[in-house]
Amino acid sequence: MTDAELQMILVKNPQGVHQMWACRGAGKGCSRNKYRRRKTPCENCFGPLDETLTLEQVEARLRQGDA
């Protein structure tokens, strides 16, 4: 995963609601999902994401370190 790529993870929570997470990627503490077929969020992933956020806003927050 390069800096230009944003990896999204869709997960169903225990209540049955789907939630989207943004993976920070390799080198940012998220080596967990590097080789997994079914990706799951870890403590270094950003989310669950607000439904009103655009992908640009998510990328900007990850770059700024707000997430």
Protein backbone atom coordinates (compact mmCIF):
# COMPACT_ATOMS: atom_id res chain seq x y z
CA MET A 1 0.00 0.00 0.00
CA THR A 2 1.46 3.34 -0.99
CA ASP A 3 0.73 6.78 0.45
CA ALA A 4 -1.66 7.47 -2.45
CA GLU A 5 -3.89 4.49 -1.63
CA LEU A 6 -6.66 4.53 0.91
CA GLN A 7 -7.84 1.13 2.07
CA MET A 8 -11.42 0.94 3.33
CA ILE A 9 -12.77 -1.87 5.50
CA LEU A 10 -16.50 -2.62 5.75
CA VAL A 11 -17.44 -4.42 8.98
CA LYS A 12 -20.71 -5.55 10.47
CA ASN A 13 -20.84 -4.70 14.18
CA PRO A 14 -22.52 -6.96 16.80
CA GLN A 15 -25.81 -5.06 16.38
CA GLY A 16 -25.86 -5.98 12.67
CA VAL A 17 -25.04 -2.47 11.37
CA HIS A 18 -22.39 -2.09 8.66
CA GLN A 19 -19.63 0.40 9.47
CA MET A 20 -16.79 1.73 7.32
CA TRP A 21 -13.22 2.06 8.61
CA ALA A 22 -10.13 3.59 6.99
CA CYS A 23 -6.95 1.58 7.26
CA ARG A 24 -3.81 3.61 7.91
CA GLY A 25 -1.78 1.04 6.00
CA ALA A 26 1.64 -0.51 6.25
CA GLY A 27 4.17 1.41 8.28
CA LYS A 28 1.46 3.14 10.28
CA GLY A 29 0.87 0.34 12.76
CA CYS A 30 -1.63 -1.70 10.77
CA SER A 31 0.32 -4.72 9.61
CA ARG A 32 -2.60 -6.89 10.71
CA ASN A 33 -4.47 -6.54 7.40
CA LYS A 34 -1.49 -6.82 5.07
CA TYR A 35 -2.08 -10.46 4.16
CA ARG A 36 -5.58 -11.17 5.45
CA ARG A 37 -8.33 -12.06 3.05
CA ARG A 38 -11.07 -10.80 5.40
CA LYS A 39 -9.88 -7.51 6.81
CA THR A 40 -10.83 -6.29 10.26
CA PRO A 41 -10.18 -2.94 11.92
CA CYS A 42 -7.50 -2.73 14.58
CA GLU A 43 -6.61 -0.04 17.11
CA ASN A 44 -4.67 1.87 14.42
CA CYS A 45 -7.54 2.08 11.93
CA PHE A 46 -9.69 5.23 11.76
CA GLY A 47 -13.40 4.72 12.29
CA PRO A 48 -16.14 3.94 12.32
CA LEU A 49 -16.45 6.70 9.74
CA ASP A 50 -19.23 9.25 9.79
CA GLU A 51 -21.54 8.74 6.80
CA THR A 52 -21.22 12.42 5.86
CA LEU A 53 -17.43 12.32 5.35
CA THR A 54 -16.09 12.21 1.80
CA LEU A 55 -13.04 10.16 0.88
CA GLU A 56 -11.09 13.39 0.46
CA GLN A 57 -11.95 14.43 4.01
CA VAL A 58 -10.93 11.03 5.38
CA GLU A 59 -7.58 11.18 3.53
CA ALA A 60 -6.97 14.73 4.79
CA ARG A 61 -7.64 13.72 8.40
CA LEU A 62 -5.29 10.75 8.09
CA ARG A 63 -2.56 12.98 6.61
CA GLN A 64 -2.99 15.60 9.36
CA GLY A 65 -2.86 12.99 12.07
CA ASP A 66 -6.31 13.94 13.41
CA ALA A 67 -7.45 10.38 13.03
